[in-house]
Amino acid sequence: MEFDLPKTVALLVALVVVGTAALVGMGAMATSTVLMMVTPSMLVFGALCLAIGVKHGEYRASN
């Protein structure tokens, strides 16, 4: 399977949705805390890791 931008974004969002649903379902912390603090930080961290991974892949492919 080849990953293009829409598939990659969909997988990232799906992963964050599953993580958010799990945290809300477990009741480990207040729902407002999960939705206002944890979910946005998961998205930002995921996007940063994705960007670093893409750049590393480009570097490996060029050398």
PDB file of N, CA and C in Angstrom:
ATOM      1  N   MET A   1       0.846  -1.174   0.000  1.00  0.00           N
ATOM      2  CA  MET A   1       0.000   0.000   0.000  1.00  0.00           C
ATOM      3  C   MET A   1       0.885   1.229   0.000  1.00  0.00           C
ATOM      4  N   GLU A   2       0.595   2.124  -0.909  1.00  0.00           N
ATOM      5  CA  GLU A   2       1.357   3.353  -0.984  1.00  0.00           C
ATOM      6  C   GLU A   2       0.658   4.435  -0.162  1.00  0.00           C
ATOM      7  N   PHE A   3       1.431   5.128   0.652  1.00  0.00           N
ATOM      8  CA  PHE A   3       0.863   6.177   1.486  1.00  0.00           C
ATOM      9  C   PHE A   3       0.970   7.507   0.769  1.00  0.00           C
ATOM     10  N   ASP A   4      -0.162   8.122   0.518  1.00  0.00           N
ATOM     11  CA  ASP A   4      -0.175   9.481   0.027  1.00  0.00           C
ATOM     12  C   ASP A   4      -0.725  10.366   1.158  1.00  0.00           C
ATOM     13  N   LEU A   5      -0.834  11.648   0.905  1.00  0.00           N
ATOM     14  CA  LEU A   5      -1.212  12.575   1.979  1.00  0.00           C
ATOM     15  C   LEU A   5      -2.581  12.265   2.589  1.00  0.00           C
ATOM     16  N   PRO A   6      -3.630  12.049   1.799  1.00  0.00           N
ATOM     17  CA  PRO A   6      -4.940  11.779   2.436  1.00  0.00           C
ATOM     18  C   PRO A   6      -4.946  10.508   3.284  1.00  0.00           C
ATOM     19  N   LYS A   7      -4.303   9.444   2.828  1.00  0.00           N
ATOM     20  CA  LYS A   7      -4.252   8.204   3.612  1.00  0.00           C
ATOM     21  C   LYS A   7      -3.463   8.402   4.896  1.00  0.00           C
ATOM     22  N   THR A   8      -2.370   9.124   4.814  1.00  0.00           N
ATOM     23  CA  THR A   8      -1.534   9.357   5.981  1.00  0.00           C
ATOM     24  C   THR A   8      -2.267  10.194   7.025  1.00  0.00           C
ATOM     25  N   VAL A   9      -2.927  11.244   6.585  1.00  0.00           N
ATOM     26  CA  VAL A   9      -3.686  12.089   7.514  1.00  0.00           C
ATOM     27  C   VAL A   9      -4.833  11.303   8.131  1.00  0.00           C
ATOM     28  N   ALA A  10      -5.501  10.493   7.328  1.00  0.00           N
ATOM     29  CA  ALA A  10      -6.613   9.688   7.845  1.00  0.00           C
ATOM     30  C   ALA A  10      -6.130   8.705   8.905  1.00  0.00           C
ATOM     31  N   LEU A  11      -4.989   8.073   8.677  1.00  0.00           N
ATOM     32  CA  LEU A  11      -4.444   7.143   9.667  1.00  0.00           C
ATOM     33  C   LEU A  11      -4.029   7.863  10.947  1.00  0.00           C
ATOM     34  N   LEU A  12      -3.422   9.031  10.813  1.00  0.00           N
ATOM     35  CA  LEU A  12      -3.033   9.811  12.001  1.00  0.00           C
ATOM     36  C   LEU A  12      -4.263  10.220  12.811  1.00  0.00           C
ATOM     37  N   VAL A  13      -5.280  10.714  12.133  1.00  0.00           N
ATOM     38  CA  VAL A  13      -6.504  11.131  12.824  1.00  0.00           C
ATOM     39  C   VAL A  13      -7.191   9.919  13.459  1.00  0.00           C
ATOM     40  N   ALA A  14      -7.226   8.786  12.752  1.00  0.00           N
ATOM     41  CA  ALA A  14      -7.852   7.582  13.307  1.00  0.00           C
ATOM     42  C   ALA A  14      -7.130   7.121  14.567  1.00  0.00           C
ATOM     43  N   LEU A  15      -5.816   7.177  14.556  1.00  0.00           N
ATOM     44  CA  LEU A  15      -5.039   6.789  15.724  1.00  0.00           C
ATOM     45  C   LEU A  15      -5.328   7.704  16.916  1.00  0.00           C
ATOM     46  N   VAL A  16      -5.429   8.997  16.661  1.00  0.00           N
ATOM     47  CA  VAL A  16      -5.730   9.947  17.725  1.00  0.00           C
ATOM     48  C   VAL A  16      -7.154   9.739  18.241  1.00  0.00           C
ATOM     49  N   VAL A  17      -8.091   9.457  17.345  1.00  0.00           N
ATOM     50  CA  VAL A  17      -9.477   9.214  17.764  1.00  0.00           C
ATOM     51  C   VAL A  17      -9.557   7.973  18.648  1.00  0.00           C
ATOM     52  N   VAL A  18      -8.848   6.914  18.273  1.00  0.00           N
ATOM     53  CA  VAL A  18      -8.849   5.696  19.091  1.00  0.00           C
ATOM     54  C   VAL A  18      -8.237   5.976  20.461  1.00  0.00           C
ATOM     55  N   GLY A  19      -7.140   6.702  20.501  1.00  0.00           N
ATOM     56  CA  GLY A  19      -6.513   7.047  21.773  1.00  0.00           C
ATOM     57  C   GLY A  19      -7.406   7.917  22.649  1.00  0.00           C
ATOM     58  N   THR A  20      -8.073   8.877  22.032  1.00  0.00           N
ATOM     59  CA  THR A  20      -8.983   9.748  22.780  1.00  0.00           C
ATOM     60  C   THR A  20     -10.167   8.953  23.316  1.00  0.00           C
ATOM     61  N   ALA A  21     -10.739   8.089  22.478  1.00  0.00           N
ATOM     62  CA  ALA A  21     -11.871   7.268  22.917  1.00  0.00           C
ATOM     63  C   ALA A  21     -11.476   6.347  24.063  1.00  0.00           C
ATOM     64  N   ALA A  22     -10.270   5.809  24.001  1.00  0.00           N
ATOM     65  CA  ALA A  22      -9.805   4.931  25.073  1.00  0.00           C
ATOM     66  C   ALA A  22      -9.642   5.698  26.380  1.00  0.00           C
ATOM     67  N   LEU A  23      -9.065   6.884  26.320  1.00  0.00           N
ATOM     68  CA  LEU A  23      -8.891   7.674  27.536  1.00  0.00           C
ATOM     69  C   LEU A  23     -10.224   8.112  28.121  1.00  0.00           C
ATOM     70  N   VAL A  24     -11.151   8.508  27.262  1.00  0.00           N
ATOM     71  CA  VAL A  24     -12.467   8.909  27.752  1.00  0.00           C
ATOM     72  C   VAL A  24     -13.207   7.700  28.315  1.00  0.00           C
ATOM     73  N   GLY A  25     -13.112   6.569  27.626  1.00  0.00           N
ATOM     74  CA  GLY A  25     -13.801   5.361  28.065  1.00  0.00           C
ATOM     75  C   GLY A  25     -13.264   4.795  29.362  1.00  0.00           C
ATOM     76  N   MET A  26     -11.966   4.908  29.580  1.00  0.00           N
ATOM     77  CA  MET A  26     -11.372   4.404  30.822  1.00  0.00           C
ATOM     78  C   MET A  26     -11.742   5.257  32.019  1.00  0.00           C
ATOM     79  N   GLY A  27     -11.994   6.518  31.765  1.00  0.00           N
ATOM     80  CA  GLY A  27     -12.293   7.420  32.874  1.00  0.00           C
ATOM     81  C   GLY A  27     -11.061   7.765  33.680  1.00  0.00           C
ATOM     82  N   ALA A  28      -9.895   7.701  33.059  1.00  0.00           N
ATOM     83  CA  ALA A  28      -8.644   7.959  33.764  1.00  0.00           C
ATOM     84  C   ALA A  28      -8.524   9.421  34.184  1.00  0.00           C
ATOM     85  N   MET A  29      -9.132  10.316  33.409  1.00  0.00           N
ATOM     86  CA  MET A  29      -9.118  11.739  33.735  1.00  0.00           C
ATOM     87  C   MET A  29     -10.391  12.360  33.198  1.00  0.00           C
ATOM     88  N   ALA A  30     -10.627  13.579  33.539  1.00  0.00           N
ATOM     89  CA  ALA A  30     -11.858  14.254  33.127  1.00  0.00           C
ATOM     90  C   ALA A  30     -11.916  14.377  31.606  1.00  0.00           C
ATOM     91  N   THR A  31     -13.108  14.240  31.054  1.00  0.00           N
ATOM     92  CA  THR A  31     -13.290  14.316  29.603  1.00  0.00           C
ATOM     93  C   THR A  31     -12.843  15.661  29.061  1.00  0.00           C
ATOM     94  N   SER A  32     -13.112  16.728  29.787  1.00  0.00           N
ATOM     95  CA  SER A  32     -12.697  18.053  29.314  1.00  0.00           C
ATOM     96  C   SER A  32     -11.177  18.162  29.232  1.00  0.00           C
ATOM     97  N   THR A  33     -10.485  17.542  30.162  1.00  0.00           N
ATOM     98  CA  THR A  33      -9.018  17.550  30.124  1.00  0.00           C
ATOM     99  C   THR A  33      -8.505  16.777  28.917  1.00  0.00           C
ATOM    100  N   VAL A  34      -9.111  15.647  28.649  1.00  0.00           N
ATOM    101  CA  VAL A  34      -8.692  14.841  27.497  1.00  0.00           C
ATOM    102  C   VAL A  34      -8.917  15.609  26.205  1.00  0.00           C
ATOM    103  N   LEU A  35     -10.087  16.215  26.068  1.00  0.00           N
ATOM    104  CA  LEU A  35     -10.424  16.885  24.811  1.00  0.00           C
ATOM    105  C   LEU A  35      -9.689  18.208  24.616  1.00  0.00           C
ATOM    106  N   MET A  36      -9.395  18.920  25.690  1.00  0.00           N
ATOM    107  CA  MET A  36      -8.776  20.232  25.548  1.00  0.00           C
ATOM    108  C   MET A  36      -7.258  20.197  25.640  1.00  0.00           C
ATOM    109  N   MET A  37      -6.684  19.181  26.279  1.00  0.00           N
ATOM    110  CA  MET A  37      -5.240  19.171  26.474  1.00  0.00           C
ATOM    111  C   MET A  37      -4.558  17.978  25.822  1.00  0.00           C
ATOM    112  N   VAL A  38      -5.084  16.801  26.032  1.00  0.00           N
ATOM    113  CA  VAL A  38      -4.404  15.583  25.585  1.00  0.00           C
ATOM    114  C   VAL A  38      -4.545  15.387  24.080  1.00  0.00           C
ATOM    115  N   THR A  39      -5.758  15.513  23.557  1.00  0.00           N
ATOM    116  CA  THR A  39      -5.989  15.281  22.129  1.00  0.00           C
ATOM    117  C   THR A  39      -5.192  16.249  21.242  1.00  0.00           C
ATOM    118  N   PRO A  40      -5.209  17.565  21.519  1.00  0.00           N
ATOM    119  CA  PRO A  40      -4.380  18.445  20.687  1.00  0.00           C
ATOM    120  C   PRO A  40      -2.885  18.125  20.782  1.00  0.00           C
ATOM    121  N   SER A  41      -2.416  17.739  21.961  1.00  0.00           N
ATOM    122  CA  SER A  41      -0.992  17.416  22.083  1.00  0.00           C
ATOM    123  C   SER A  41      -0.672  16.118  21.343  1.00  0.00           C
ATOM    124  N   MET A  42      -1.610  15.166  21.307  1.00  0.00           N
ATOM    125  CA  MET A  42      -1.390  13.948  20.517  1.00  0.00           C
ATOM    126  C   MET A  42      -1.291  14.279  19.034  1.00  0.00           C
ATOM    127  N   LEU A  43      -2.144  15.186  18.566  1.00  0.00           N
ATOM    128  CA  LEU A  43      -2.100  15.574  17.152  1.00  0.00           C
ATOM    129  C   LEU A  43      -0.789  16.275  16.802  1.00  0.00           C
ATOM    130  N   VAL A  44      -0.361  17.194  17.648  1.00  0.00           N
ATOM    131  CA  VAL A  44       0.887  17.924  17.388  1.00  0.00           C
ATOM    132  C   VAL A  44       2.077  16.973  17.422  1.00  0.00           C
ATOM    133  N   PHE A  45       2.137  16.106  18.426  1.00  0.00           N
ATOM    134  CA  PHE A  45       3.238  15.148  18.522  1.00  0.00           C
ATOM    135  C   PHE A  45       3.242  14.204  17.330  1.00  0.00           C
ATOM    136  N   GLY A  46       2.073  13.735  16.929  1.00  0.00           N
ATOM    137  CA  GLY A  46       1.988  12.852  15.772  1.00  0.00           C
ATOM    138  C   GLY A  46       2.441  13.535  14.497  1.00  0.00           C
ATOM    139  N   ALA A  47       2.043  14.794  14.315  1.00  0.00           N
ATOM    140  CA  ALA A  47       2.447  15.538  13.119  1.00  0.00           C
ATOM    141  C   ALA A  47       3.958  15.780  13.106  1.00  0.00           C
ATOM    142  N   LEU A  48       4.539  16.091  14.275  1.00  0.00           N
ATOM    143  CA  LEU A  48       5.996  16.287  14.346  1.00  0.00           C
ATOM    144  C   LEU A  48       6.744  14.988  14.028  1.00  0.00           C
ATOM    145  N   CYS A  49       6.288  13.892  14.611  1.00  0.00           N
ATOM    146  CA  CYS A  49       6.941  12.603  14.339  1.00  0.00           C
ATOM    147  C   CYS A  49       6.799  12.224  12.872  1.00  0.00           C
ATOM    148  N   LEU A  50       5.643  12.509  12.284  1.00  0.00           N
ATOM    149  CA  LEU A  50       5.437  12.225  10.870  1.00  0.00           C
ATOM    150  C   LEU A  50       6.391  13.046  10.009  1.00  0.00           C
ATOM    151  N   ALA A  51       6.517  14.331  10.310  1.00  0.00           N
ATOM    152  CA  ALA A  51       7.410  15.195   9.538  1.00  0.00           C
ATOM    153  C   ALA A  51       8.863  14.744   9.659  1.00  0.00           C
ATOM    154  N   ILE A  52       9.292  14.398  10.866  1.00  0.00           N
ATOM    155  CA  ILE A  52      10.660  13.914  11.059  1.00  0.00           C
ATOM    156  C   ILE A  52      10.862  12.601  10.325  1.00  0.00           C
ATOM    157  N   GLY A  53       9.873  11.721  10.381  1.00  0.00           N
ATOM    158  CA  GLY A  53       9.972  10.446   9.687  1.00  0.00           C
ATOM    159  C   GLY A  53      10.041  10.591   8.180  1.00  0.00           C
ATOM    160  N   VAL A  54       9.263  11.520   7.630  1.00  0.00           N
ATOM    161  CA  VAL A  54       9.301  11.757   6.186  1.00  0.00           C
ATOM    162  C   VAL A  54      10.661  12.298   5.774  1.00  0.00           C
ATOM    163  N   LYS A  55      11.174  13.246   6.530  1.00  0.00           N
ATOM    164  CA  LYS A  55      12.493  13.804   6.202  1.00  0.00           C
ATOM    165  C   LYS A  55      13.588  12.749   6.321  1.00  0.00           C
ATOM    166  N   HIS A  56      13.500  11.895   7.321  1.00  0.00           N
ATOM    167  CA  HIS A  56      14.482  10.829   7.466  1.00  0.00           C
ATOM    168  C   HIS A  56      14.371   9.841   6.304  1.00  0.00           C
ATOM    169  N   GLY A  57      13.159   9.540   5.888  1.00  0.00           N
ATOM    170  CA  GLY A  57      12.973   8.665   4.740  1.00  0.00           C
ATOM    171  C   GLY A  57      13.528   9.264   3.459  1.00  0.00           C
ATOM    172  N   GLU A  58      13.333  10.560   3.273  1.00  0.00           N
ATOM    173  CA  GLU A  58      13.903  11.231   2.113  1.00  0.00           C
ATOM    174  C   GLU A  58      15.431  11.180   2.148  1.00  0.00           C
ATOM    175  N   TYR A  59      15.995  11.375   3.334  1.00  0.00           N
ATOM    176  CA  TYR A  59      17.452  11.316   3.480  1.00  0.00           C
ATOM    177  C   TYR A  59      17.969   9.914   3.158  1.00  0.00           C
ATOM    178  N   ARG A  60      17.302   8.890   3.686  1.00  0.00           N
ATOM    179  CA  ARG A  60      17.732   7.504   3.442  1.00  0.00           C
ATOM    180  C   ARG A  60      17.592   7.128   1.977  1.00  0.00           C
ATOM    181  N   ALA A  61      16.550   7.633   1.315  1.00  0.00           N
ATOM    182  CA  ALA A  61      16.327   7.295  -0.080  1.00  0.00           C
ATOM    183  C   ALA A  61      17.335   7.979  -1.001  1.00  0.00           C
ATOM    184  N   SER A  62      17.845   9.140  -0.583  1.00  0.00           N
ATOM    185  CA  SER A  62      18.777   9.876  -1.440  1.00  0.00           C
ATOM    186  C   SER A  62      20.220   9.405  -1.279  1.00  0.00           C
ATOM    187  N   ASN A  63      20.524   8.684  -0.205  1.00  0.00           N
ATOM    188  CA  ASN A  63      21.907   8.244   0.023  1.00  0.00           C
ATOM    189  C   ASN A  63      22.074   6.774  -0.234  1.00  0.00           C
TER     190      ASN A  63
END
